Protein backbone atom coordinates (compact mmCIF):
# COMPACT_ATOMS: atom_id res chain seq x y z
CA MET A 1 9.09 7.40 2.60
CA VAL A 2 9.43 4.30 0.46
CA ARG A 3 6.40 2.05 0.56
CA ILE A 4 7.20 -1.43 1.75
CA GLY A 5 5.38 -4.62 0.98
CA ARG A 6 4.59 -3.82 -2.64
CA HIS A 7 5.37 -7.37 -3.76
CA VAL A 8 3.57 -10.14 -1.95
CA SER A 9 6.73 -12.24 -1.61
CA LYS A 10 8.21 -9.44 0.52
CA LEU A 11 5.01 -8.44 2.28
CA THR A 12 5.52 -6.50 5.48
CA GLY A 13 3.92 -3.65 7.41
CA TYR A 14 0.15 -3.36 7.87
CA ALA A 15 -2.38 -4.93 5.51
CA PRO A 16 -6.07 -4.38 6.35
CA ALA A 17 -8.51 -7.26 6.40
CA LEU A 18 -11.34 -5.45 4.65
CA PRO A 19 -14.97 -5.80 5.70
CA THR A 20 -17.63 -6.39 3.06
CA PRO A 21 -20.13 -3.49 3.09
CA PHE A 22 -23.78 -4.26 2.44
CA THR A 23 -26.68 -2.10 1.29
CA VAL A 24 -29.95 -1.92 3.21
CA GLU A 25 -31.28 -4.54 0.79
CA GLY A 26 -28.44 -6.89 1.76
CA ASP A 27 -26.43 -6.66 -1.47
CA ILE A 28 -22.76 -5.75 -1.67
CA ASP A 29 -22.35 -1.97 -1.54
CA ILE A 30 -19.94 -1.63 -4.45
CA SER A 31 -19.29 2.10 -4.08
CA ALA A 32 -18.52 1.75 -0.34
CA PHE A 33 -16.12 -1.11 -1.03
CA GLU A 34 -14.38 0.85 -3.79
CA GLN A 35 -14.00 3.78 -1.40
CA MET A 36 -12.49 1.57 1.30
CA CYS A 37 -9.98 0.15 -1.18
CA ASP A 38 -9.02 3.66 -2.31
CA LEU A 39 -8.72 5.04 1.21
CA GLN A 40 -6.51 2.19 2.36
CA LEU A 41 -4.33 2.50 -0.71
CA THR A 42 -3.77 6.22 -0.11
CA ARG A 43 -3.10 5.61 3.60
CA GLY A 44 -0.19 3.27 2.87
CA ALA A 45 -1.66 -0.22 3.05
CA THR A 46 0.88 -2.79 1.89
CA ALA A 47 -1.83 -5.18 0.64
CA LEU A 48 -5.61 -5.57 0.71
CA ILE A 49 -7.11 -8.70 2.25
CA VAL A 50 -10.56 -9.46 0.84
CA CYS A 51 -13.09 -12.24 1.45
CA GLY A 52 -11.58 -13.25 4.76
CA THR A 53 -13.05 -13.58 8.25
CA THR A 54 -13.56 -9.81 8.51
CA GLY A 55 -15.13 -9.86 5.04
CA GLU A 56 -17.78 -12.37 6.26
CA ALA A 57 -16.58 -14.89 3.67
CA PRO A 58 -18.83 -17.75 4.88
CA THR A 59 -21.90 -15.70 3.95
CA LEU A 60 -20.70 -14.72 0.45
CA THR A 61 -21.89 -16.45 -2.70
CA PRO A 62 -19.25 -17.53 -5.26
CA GLU A 63 -20.37 -14.64 -7.46
CA GLU A 64 -19.93 -12.13 -4.63
CA HIS A 65 -16.55 -13.63 -3.80
CA ARG A 66 -15.36 -13.06 -7.38
CA LEU A 67 -16.90 -9.58 -7.53
CA LEU A 68 -15.06 -8.34 -4.44
CA ILE A 69 -11.72 -9.60 -5.73
CA GLN A 70 -12.33 -8.00 -9.11
CA ILE A 71 -13.20 -4.66 -7.51
CA ALA A 72 -10.11 -4.70 -5.30
CA ALA A 73 -7.87 -5.62 -8.25
CA THR A 74 -9.38 -2.84 -10.34
CA GLN A 75 -8.95 -0.23 -7.61
CA THR A 76 -5.35 -1.16 -6.79
CA ARG A 77 -4.24 -1.53 -10.44
CA GLY A 78 -1.26 -3.61 -9.39
CA ARG A 79 0.15 -1.01 -7.00
CA ILE A 80 -0.24 -3.30 -3.99
CA PRO A 81 -1.21 -6.99 -3.82
CA VAL A 82 -4.78 -8.18 -3.44
CA ILE A 83 -4.82 -11.25 -1.19
CA ALA A 84 -8.04 -13.22 -1.36
CA GLY A 85 -9.43 -15.48 1.32
CA ALA A 86 -10.05 -18.85 -0.31
CA GLY A 87 -10.18 -21.32 2.55
CA ALA A 88 -12.68 -24.08 3.25
CA ASN A 89 -12.90 -27.21 5.36
CA ALA A 90 -13.24 -29.38 2.25
CA THR A 91 -10.06 -29.45 0.20
CA ALA A 92 -11.93 -29.64 -3.12
CA HIS A 93 -13.95 -26.55 -2.21
CA ALA A 94 -10.80 -24.66 -1.16
CA ILE A 95 -9.22 -25.52 -4.51
CA GLU A 96 -12.33 -24.27 -6.33
CA LEU A 97 -12.26 -20.97 -4.40
CA THR A 98 -8.55 -20.63 -5.06
CA ARG A 99 -8.95 -21.10 -8.81
CA ASP A 100 -11.85 -18.65 -8.89
CA ALA A 101 -9.77 -16.07 -7.01
CA GLU A 102 -6.91 -16.48 -9.46
CA VAL A 103 -9.22 -15.89 -12.43
CA ALA A 104 -10.78 -12.87 -10.66
CA GLY A 105 -7.40 -11.13 -10.36
CA ALA A 106 -6.03 -11.98 -6.92
CA ASP A 107 -2.26 -11.71 -6.44
CA ALA A 108 -2.14 -14.27 -3.63
CA ILE A 109 -4.36 -16.53 -1.54
CA LEU A 110 -5.03 -16.56 2.19
CA SER A 111 -5.87 -20.18 3.03
CA VAL A 112 -7.29 -20.96 6.45
CA VAL A 113 -6.79 -24.17 8.43
CA PRO A 114 -9.82 -26.40 7.74
CA TYR A 115 -12.44 -25.75 10.39
CA TYR A 116 -14.83 -28.04 12.27
CA ASN A 117 -13.49 -31.40 11.07
CA ARG A 118 -10.20 -31.02 13.01
CA PRO A 119 -7.75 -32.91 10.75
CA MET A 120 -4.47 -34.34 11.99
CA GLN A 121 -1.21 -32.61 11.08
CA ALA A 122 -0.66 -35.06 8.22
CA GLY A 123 -4.09 -34.13 6.87
CA LEU A 124 -3.30 -30.42 7.17
CA TYR A 125 -0.10 -30.88 5.22
CA ALA A 126 -1.89 -32.83 2.49
CA HIS A 127 -4.68 -30.24 2.33
CA PHE A 128 -2.35 -27.29 1.77
CA GLN A 129 -0.10 -29.27 -0.55
CA ALA A 130 -3.09 -30.05 -2.77
CA ILE A 131 -4.12 -26.38 -2.85
CA ALA A 132 -0.56 -25.30 -3.69
CA GLU A 133 -0.45 -27.75 -6.58
CA SER A 134 -3.74 -26.41 -7.96
CA THR A 135 -2.73 -22.78 -8.47
CA GLY A 136 -0.06 -20.49 -9.83
CA LEU A 137 -0.58 -18.00 -6.99
CA PRO A 138 1.45 -17.59 -3.80
CA ILE A 139 -0.31 -18.89 -0.69
CA ILE A 140 -0.31 -17.47 2.84
CA LEU A 141 -1.41 -19.98 5.45
CA TYR A 142 -3.91 -18.81 8.07
CA ASP A 143 -3.73 -20.35 11.53
CA VAL A 144 -6.61 -19.25 13.80
CA PRO A 145 -7.40 -22.07 16.24
CA ALA A 146 -10.00 -20.06 18.16
CA ARG A 147 -12.22 -20.20 15.06
CA THR A 148 -11.16 -23.49 13.47
CA GLY A 149 -10.78 -25.77 16.49
CA CYS A 150 -7.48 -26.96 14.99
CA CYS A 151 -3.98 -25.52 14.77
CA LEU A 152 -0.92 -25.78 12.56
CA SER A 153 2.08 -27.07 14.49
CA ASP A 154 5.42 -25.35 14.04
CA HIS A 155 6.73 -28.54 12.44
CA THR A 156 3.88 -28.56 9.87
CA VAL A 157 4.44 -24.88 9.06
CA ALA A 158 8.12 -25.63 8.50
CA ARG A 159 7.31 -28.53 6.17
CA LEU A 160 4.81 -26.45 4.21
CA ALA A 161 7.33 -23.60 3.93
CA GLU A 162 9.44 -25.91 1.78
CA LEU A 163 6.74 -25.90 -0.91
CA PRO A 164 7.51 -23.18 -3.46
CA ARG A 165 4.05 -21.59 -3.53
CA ILE A 166 3.61 -21.30 0.23
CA ILE A 167 5.26 -18.03 1.18
CA GLY A 168 3.90 -17.01 4.56
CA LEU A 169 1.70 -17.43 7.62
CA LYS A 170 -1.04 -15.25 9.05
CA ASP A 171 -0.59 -16.23 12.67
CA ALA A 172 -3.63 -15.78 14.91
CA ALA A 173 -2.69 -18.51 17.36
CA GLY A 174 -2.18 -15.95 20.14
CA ASP A 175 1.52 -16.62 20.84
CA ALA A 176 3.68 -13.53 20.33
CA THR A 177 6.86 -15.57 20.85
CA ARG A 178 6.15 -17.84 17.88
CA PRO A 179 8.21 -15.89 15.29
CA ALA A 180 11.36 -16.52 17.30
CA ARG A 181 10.69 -20.28 17.14
CA LEU A 182 9.56 -20.34 13.52
CA ARG A 183 12.19 -18.12 11.90
CA PRO A 184 15.04 -20.65 12.12
CA LEU A 185 12.70 -23.30 10.68
CA VAL A 186 11.24 -21.33 7.75
CA GLY A 187 14.07 -19.01 6.71
CA ALA A 188 14.37 -15.26 6.35
CA ASN A 189 12.08 -14.87 3.33
CA PHE A 190 9.00 -16.65 4.69
CA ARG A 191 6.47 -14.00 5.74
CA LEU A 192 5.40 -14.16 9.38
CA LEU A 193 2.35 -11.91 9.75
CA CYS A 194 0.56 -11.32 13.03
CA GLY A 195 -3.16 -11.99 12.80
CA GLU A 196 -4.07 -10.41 16.15
CA ASP A 197 -3.90 -6.63 16.45
CA GLY A 198 -3.39 -6.78 20.20
CA LEU A 199 -0.13 -8.72 19.76
CA ALA A 200 1.26 -6.85 16.75
CA LEU A 201 4.10 -4.99 18.46
CA PRO A 202 5.41 -7.91 20.56
CA TYR A 203 5.08 -10.12 17.48
CA LEU A 204 7.28 -7.70 15.53
CA ALA A 205 9.72 -7.64 18.40
CA GLN A 206 10.08 -11.42 18.14
CA GLY A 207 10.90 -11.26 14.43
CA GLY A 208 7.50 -10.92 12.71
CA ASP A 209 7.24 -9.12 9.39
CA GLY A 210 3.94 -7.31 9.78
CA CYS A 211 0.27 -7.56 10.61
CA ILE A 212 -2.91 -8.49 8.77
CA SER A 213 -5.11 -6.14 10.69
CA VAL A 214 -8.69 -5.32 11.61
CA THR A 215 -7.78 -2.16 13.54
CA SER A 216 -5.97 -0.55 10.59
CA ASN A 217 -9.33 -0.30 8.82
CA VAL A 218 -10.13 2.48 11.30
CA ALA A 219 -6.71 3.83 12.33
CA PRO A 220 -4.34 3.17 9.43
CA GLY A 221 -2.03 6.06 10.27
CA LEU A 222 -1.58 5.02 13.88
CA CYS A 223 -0.86 1.43 12.94
CA ARG A 224 1.65 2.24 10.25
CA SER A 225 3.33 4.94 12.33
CA MET A 226 3.83 2.38 15.08
CA PHE A 227 5.27 -0.09 12.61
CA TRP A 228 7.72 2.44 11.15
CA ALA A 229 8.75 3.65 14.59
CA TRP A 230 9.61 0.09 15.57
CA LYS A 231 11.44 -0.64 12.31
CA GLN A 232 13.51 2.53 12.70
CA GLY A 233 14.50 1.66 16.25
CA HIS A 234 12.25 4.17 18.02
CA SER A 235 10.83 1.66 20.47
CA VAL A 236 9.62 4.22 23.04
CA HIS A 237 7.60 6.06 20.39
CA ALA A 238 6.24 2.75 19.05
CA ARG A 239 5.03 1.77 22.52
CA ARG A 240 3.43 5.18 22.96
CA LEU A 241 1.49 4.68 19.73
CA GLU A 242 0.55 1.18 20.83
CA ARG A 243 -1.65 2.57 23.63
CA PRO A 244 -4.43 4.12 21.52
CA ILE A 245 -4.18 1.24 19.05
CA SER A 246 -4.70 -1.26 21.87
CA GLU A 247 -7.64 0.74 23.21
CA LEU A 248 -9.29 0.79 19.79
CA THR A 249 -8.53 -2.90 19.22
CA ALA A 250 -10.23 -3.84 22.48
CA ALA A 251 -13.34 -1.91 21.45
CA LEU A 252 -13.38 -3.57 18.02
CA PHE A 253 -13.42 -7.01 19.63
CA HIS A 254 -16.00 -6.38 22.38
CA GLU A 255 -18.33 -8.50 20.26
CA THR A 256 -17.76 -10.79 17.28
CA ASN A 257 -15.74 -9.29 14.43
CA PRO A 258 -16.73 -7.61 12.12
CA ALA A 259 -19.86 -6.19 13.81
CA PRO A 260 -17.94 -3.62 15.91
CA LEU A 261 -15.68 -2.72 12.97
CA LYS A 262 -18.60 -2.08 10.64
CA GLN A 263 -20.31 0.00 13.31
CA ALA A 264 -17.13 2.08 13.71
CA LEU A 265 -16.92 2.64 9.96
CA ALA A 266 -20.63 3.51 9.93
CA PHE A 267 -19.99 6.17 12.59
CA LEU A 268 -17.31 7.55 10.27
CA GLY A 269 -19.70 7.64 7.33
CA LEU A 270 -17.98 4.95 5.27
CA MET A 271 -20.48 2.08 5.18
CA SER A 272 -23.61 0.61 6.67
CA PRO A 273 -23.17 -1.30 9.95
CA ALA A 274 -25.17 -4.20 8.47
CA VAL A 275 -23.84 -7.74 8.90
CA ARG A 276 -25.33 -10.97 7.59
CA LEU A 277 -26.94 -13.59 9.76
CA PRO A 278 -25.98 -15.41 11.88
CA LEU A 279 -24.07 -12.27 12.93
CA VAL A 280 -26.07 -9.35 14.31
CA GLY A 281 -25.27 -5.70 14.93
CA LEU A 282 -23.40 -4.31 17.89
CA SER A 283 -25.31 -4.05 21.16
CA GLU A 284 -26.40 -0.61 22.33
CA PRO A 285 -24.00 -0.28 25.31
CA HIS A 286 -21.03 -1.11 23.13
CA ARG A 287 -22.25 1.22 20.39
CA ILE A 288 -22.23 4.08 22.89
CA GLU A 289 -18.75 3.16 24.15
CA LEU A 290 -17.41 2.86 20.61
CA SER A 291 -18.91 6.20 19.56
CA GLU A 292 -17.30 7.97 22.52
CA LEU A 293 -13.93 6.33 21.87
CA LEU A 294 -13.96 7.24 18.18
CA PHE A 295 -14.89 10.82 19.01
CA ARG A 296 -11.85 11.11 21.27
CA LEU A 297 -9.42 9.32 18.96
CA CYS A 298 -10.47 11.35 15.94
CA HIS A 299 -9.82 14.55 17.86
CA GLU A 300 -6.56 13.37 19.42
CA HIS A 301 -5.07 11.76 16.31
CA GLY A 302 -6.81 13.53 13.42
CA ASP A 303 -5.50 12.36 10.07
CA GLN A 304 -4.12 9.14 11.58
CA MET A 305 -7.68 7.83 11.42
CA ILE A 306 -9.39 6.58 8.27
CA SER A 307 -11.74 9.57 8.25
CA SER A 308 -11.30 13.17 9.27
CA VAL A 309 -12.48 14.89 12.44
CA ARG A 310 -15.27 16.54 10.43
CA THR A 311 -17.02 13.20 9.94
CA ALA A 312 -16.31 11.76 13.38
CA PRO A 313 -19.20 10.99 15.74
CA VAL A 314 -19.75 13.87 18.12
CA ASP A 315 -20.77 12.14 21.35
CA ARG A 316 -23.09 9.59 22.92
CA ARG A 317 -26.13 11.79 22.27
CA VAL A 318 -25.84 11.40 18.50
CA ALA A 319 -28.56 9.17 17.09
CA VAL A 320 -27.07 5.91 15.91
CA GLY A 321 -28.60 4.27 12.84
């Protein structure tokens, strides 16, 4: 099977939004992050997203931000793109993060809509235009109104798509029909990437190109098998695969991302469940539910999961660290 999405300008398929693993002392766990990069690469990831929402970017220092990008770039060695989160609600700060990411080895930037200050559409256009003029890297816009309190209108996306460095949109606005509206406005080459795992298949059905995914951190095989089934016209099989993916996605968003994700990866022996304040770890009832779900999925889907059955949690009676 030919890998798709190797070049960021043609990005498609599933790209994981990687969490940032921490040691018990609260530092970045470099070996765990290297392992996650390697595992995702071997499981067919079409890009690695680092220092984004799932990577707890607001809690990272500039030095940690650069370190994570450098590690990802070193592990991938140019085989797939490294896309670095570099957004901020102050345009000057976003430009600084963007330039740092470029120096650190990123292949593209994921730039979120400015949060909290709720700019008008004209301000959003000017913000992203200024970032695009500050870098030589391609930029993927990130629209996630549930977190930013502000959204990119279709008209603003279309205007920004005319700028040569802005090549795509991570769309977490919650509207699976949006690709059908946007595609005539942005052209065939502009990347429309679903930012909500629960809407990935309907988003593809409406003309989306792929998904920047939390769930594929845990079930990369299931996610990519669903994508390929859909692309090859096997819609019934794709919908069958969507069921366990949807079940896992629901469990990974019981509480604020990435606490459930990191707990899932901790159950699978891949990293500590630690998150940085103001986030806290997953509550005990949801930890039990997640453990039971992972036990079943690992036995039902085996090598479609990020880790093998041998390292899966056994049942609710297992002590959880």
